[in-house]
């Protein structure tokens, strides 16, 4: 693993624990020599984690659609900024660049990114680890919903292990590092 993509909110939420977790994750990425791949914003948890990685001497690549660059205030101090045309291209580019994914608290966009990347792994389009940083119980209900999907026969027991949930930043990264996937490059052909 060299590059970790972090999905997170363009706001900070209502509790300081989310900002603290973004700083802790950013510091750990630099300490372990990982490059941050993220949505390119300069606001909310997105801005905090990017600023933390940069302040500690790490590298950050942002990927942002042109129409969001102004709305989310695209970060101007990144190692690299990739501007794409659509949200779909944003996810594709982040998936191409990343070797692993971490979802922090966020809104609909974060949830959608997590769901799509998990679906791509489920469909064997790629083999990359996915983690959820469940700070302050933020993702407890999602974890319960995934269990409900299994109980009702919509996903297999094996699919329940596609996402690693953890409340501890360092432990979550350790879990992702254990992944031994062979396809860490581009998505496999979808044809």
Protein backbone atom coordinates (compact mmCIF):
# COMPACT_ATOMS: atom_id res chain seq x y z
CA UNK A 1 0.00 0.00 0.00
CA UNK A 2 1.27 3.43 -0.93
CA UNK A 3 -1.82 5.60 -1.45
CA UNK A 4 -4.85 5.73 0.83
CA UNK A 5 -8.06 7.38 -0.35
CA UNK A 6 -10.09 9.01 2.39
CA UNK A 7 -13.78 9.75 1.89
CA UNK A 8 -15.06 12.35 4.36
CA UNK A 9 -17.31 15.32 4.84
CA UNK A 10 -17.00 18.79 3.36
CA UNK A 11 -18.19 19.97 6.77
CA UNK A 12 -16.80 19.21 10.23
CA UNK A 13 -19.97 17.91 11.88
CA UNK A 14 -21.25 18.92 15.30
CA UNK A 15 -18.54 17.35 17.46
CA UNK A 16 -14.84 18.15 17.79
CA UNK A 17 -14.10 14.39 17.84
CA UNK A 18 -14.44 14.28 14.05
CA UNK A 19 -11.84 17.00 13.51
CA UNK A 20 -9.54 15.29 16.03
CA UNK A 21 -9.88 11.99 14.15
CA UNK A 22 -9.10 13.68 10.81
CA UNK A 23 -5.92 15.14 12.30
CA UNK A 24 -4.95 11.80 13.85
CA UNK A 25 -5.51 9.96 10.56
CA UNK A 26 -3.56 12.58 8.60
CA UNK A 27 -0.62 12.37 10.99
CA UNK A 28 -0.62 8.57 10.86
CA UNK A 29 -0.65 8.54 7.05
CA UNK A 30 2.48 10.69 6.99
CA UNK A 31 4.16 8.67 9.75
CA UNK A 32 3.61 5.48 7.74
CA UNK A 33 4.67 7.07 4.44
CA UNK A 34 1.27 6.93 2.75
CA UNK A 35 0.10 9.48 0.23
CA UNK A 36 -3.41 10.90 0.77
CA UNK A 37 -5.89 10.71 -2.09
CA UNK A 38 -9.11 12.63 -1.40
CA UNK A 39 -11.85 14.78 -2.90
CA UNK A 40 -9.78 17.96 -3.29
CA UNK A 41 -11.76 20.30 -1.02
CA UNK A 42 -10.35 22.91 1.33
CA UNK A 43 -13.30 22.81 3.74
CA UNK A 44 -14.62 20.55 6.47
CA UNK A 45 -12.93 17.26 7.33
CA UNK A 46 -11.57 17.17 3.78
CA UNK A 47 -9.60 20.37 4.35
CA UNK A 48 -8.46 19.32 7.82
CA UNK A 49 -6.98 16.01 6.75
CA UNK A 50 -5.30 17.53 3.69
CA UNK A 51 -3.83 20.40 5.72
CA UNK A 52 -2.60 17.96 8.38
CA UNK A 53 -0.83 15.73 5.86
CA UNK A 54 0.76 18.74 4.14
CA UNK A 55 1.84 20.34 7.44
CA UNK A 56 3.58 17.09 8.43
CA UNK A 57 5.45 16.95 5.10
CA UNK A 58 3.28 14.37 3.36
CA UNK A 59 1.90 14.24 -0.16
CA UNK A 60 -1.71 14.91 -1.10
CA UNK A 61 -3.54 14.40 -4.38
CA UNK A 62 -6.99 15.93 -4.64
CA UNK A 63 -9.54 14.86 -7.25
CA UNK A 64 -12.40 17.28 -7.83
CA UNK A 65 -14.96 17.89 -10.57
CA UNK A 66 -14.66 21.35 -12.11
CA UNK A 67 -18.20 22.31 -11.08
CA UNK A 68 -17.39 21.58 -7.43
CA UNK A 69 -14.03 23.30 -7.40
CA UNK A 70 -15.64 26.65 -6.59
CA UNK A 71 -18.50 25.29 -4.43
CA UNK A 72 -16.22 23.21 -2.19
CA UNK A 73 -13.40 25.73 -2.44
CA UNK A 74 -10.79 23.54 -4.12
CA UNK A 75 -7.58 23.33 -2.13
CA UNK A 76 -4.80 25.39 -3.72
CA UNK A 77 -1.81 24.03 -1.77
CA UNK A 78 -1.87 20.35 -2.66
CA UNK A 79 0.96 18.27 -4.07
CA UNK A 80 -1.32 17.57 -7.03
CA UNK A 81 -4.87 18.55 -7.99
CA UNK A 82 -6.69 16.52 -10.64
CA UNK A 83 -9.75 18.28 -12.07
CA UNK A 84 -12.27 15.96 -13.72
CA UNK A 85 -15.60 16.54 -15.45
CA UNK A 86 -18.01 14.50 -13.33
CA UNK A 87 -18.58 12.84 -9.97
CA UNK A 88 -18.26 9.45 -11.65
CA UNK A 89 -14.87 10.38 -13.10
CA UNK A 90 -13.84 11.59 -9.63
CA UNK A 91 -14.59 8.17 -8.09
CA UNK A 92 -12.91 6.35 -10.97
CA UNK A 93 -9.75 8.46 -10.65
CA UNK A 94 -9.61 8.05 -6.86
CA UNK A 95 -10.10 4.29 -7.26
CA UNK A 96 -7.33 4.19 -9.86
CA UNK A 97 -4.88 6.07 -7.62
CA UNK A 98 -5.70 4.40 -4.29
CA UNK A 99 -4.47 1.13 -2.83
CA UNK A 100 -6.94 1.28 0.08
CA UNK A 101 -9.97 3.31 1.18
CA UNK A 102 -11.05 4.83 4.49
CA UNK A 103 -14.46 6.40 5.07
CA UNK A 104 -14.66 8.95 7.84
CA UNK A 105 -17.90 10.64 8.90
CA UNK A 106 -19.56 12.59 6.12
CA UNK A 107 -22.83 13.14 4.32
CA UNK A 108 -24.56 11.65 1.29
CA UNK A 109 -21.45 12.00 -0.88
CA UNK A 110 -19.30 10.05 1.55
CA UNK A 111 -21.95 7.36 1.91
CA UNK A 112 -22.32 7.09 -1.86
CA UNK A 113 -18.55 6.84 -2.39
CA UNK A 114 -18.30 4.11 0.24
CA UNK A 115 -21.23 2.18 -1.25
CA UNK A 116 -19.92 2.35 -4.81
CA UNK A 117 -16.34 1.37 -3.97
CA UNK A 118 -17.67 -1.54 -1.86
CA UNK A 119 -19.83 -2.66 -4.78
CA UNK A 120 -16.81 -2.59 -7.10
CA UNK A 121 -14.90 -4.83 -4.68
CA UNK A 122 -17.94 -7.12 -4.25
CA UNK A 123 -18.16 -7.49 -8.05
CA UNK A 124 -14.42 -8.30 -8.23
CA UNK A 125 -13.69 -5.26 -10.37
CA UNK A 126 -10.79 -4.60 -7.98
CA UNK A 127 -9.33 -6.08 -4.82
CA UNK A 128 -8.54 -3.27 -2.41
CA UNK A 129 -9.26 -2.99 1.32
CA UNK A 130 -12.00 -0.73 2.65
CA UNK A 131 -12.17 0.64 6.16
CA UNK A 132 -14.71 2.72 8.06
CA UNK A 133 -13.51 4.93 10.87
CA UNK A 134 -16.51 4.64 13.17
CA UNK A 135 -15.85 7.69 15.34
CA UNK A 136 -18.44 8.52 18.00
CA UNK A 137 -20.65 5.64 16.83
CA UNK A 138 -21.25 7.50 13.57
CA UNK A 139 -21.50 4.34 11.47
CA UNK A 140 -23.17 2.05 14.02
CA UNK A 141 -26.47 2.12 12.14
CA UNK A 142 -24.76 1.42 8.81
CA UNK A 143 -23.04 -1.60 10.36
CA UNK A 144 -26.42 -2.75 11.66
CA UNK A 145 -28.01 -2.22 8.25
CA UNK A 146 -25.31 -4.35 6.60
CA UNK A 147 -26.10 -7.09 9.13
CA UNK A 148 -29.79 -6.72 8.23
CA UNK A 149 -28.96 -7.10 4.52
CA UNK A 150 -27.25 -10.40 5.32
CA UNK A 151 -30.11 -11.60 7.56
CA UNK A 152 -32.61 -10.86 4.80
CA UNK A 153 -30.52 -12.67 2.15
CA UNK A 154 -29.38 -9.69 0.08
CA UNK A 155 -25.66 -10.10 0.75
CA UNK A 156 -23.57 -13.10 1.71
CA UNK A 157 -21.75 -13.61 4.98
CA UNK A 158 -18.52 -13.27 2.98
CA UNK A 159 -19.60 -9.82 1.73
CA UNK A 160 -19.95 -8.62 5.31
CA UNK A 161 -16.16 -8.68 5.59
CA UNK A 162 -15.64 -6.31 2.64
CA UNK A 163 -15.70 -3.34 5.03
CA UNK A 164 -13.55 -3.22 8.15
CA UNK A 165 -15.15 -1.12 10.91
CA UNK A 166 -13.00 0.28 13.71
CA UNK A 167 -13.17 3.15 16.19
CA UNK A 168 -9.36 3.42 16.44
CA UNK A 169 -7.37 5.09 13.66
CA UNK A 170 -4.16 3.06 14.10
CA UNK A 171 -6.00 -0.26 14.42
CA UNK A 172 -8.04 0.44 11.29
CA UNK A 173 -4.90 1.14 9.25
CA UNK A 174 -3.31 -2.06 10.60
CA UNK A 175 -6.38 -4.03 9.44
CA UNK A 176 -6.11 -2.51 5.95
CA UNK A 177 -2.39 -3.34 5.82
CA UNK A 178 -3.20 -7.03 6.35
CA UNK A 179 -5.08 -7.16 3.04
CA UNK A 180 -3.28 -9.27 0.47
CA UNK A 181 -5.18 -8.31 -2.66
CA UNK A 182 -3.43 -8.86 -5.96
CA UNK A 183 -5.16 -6.15 -7.99
CA UNK A 184 -3.97 -2.82 -6.66
CA UNK A 185 -3.94 -1.09 -10.04
CA UNK A 186 -6.74 0.03 -12.32
CA UNK A 187 -10.22 -1.39 -12.20
CA UNK A 188 -10.55 -4.66 -14.07
CA UNK A 189 -12.34 -4.49 -17.37
CA UNK A 190 -16.08 -4.11 -16.95
CA UNK A 191 -16.87 -5.70 -20.32
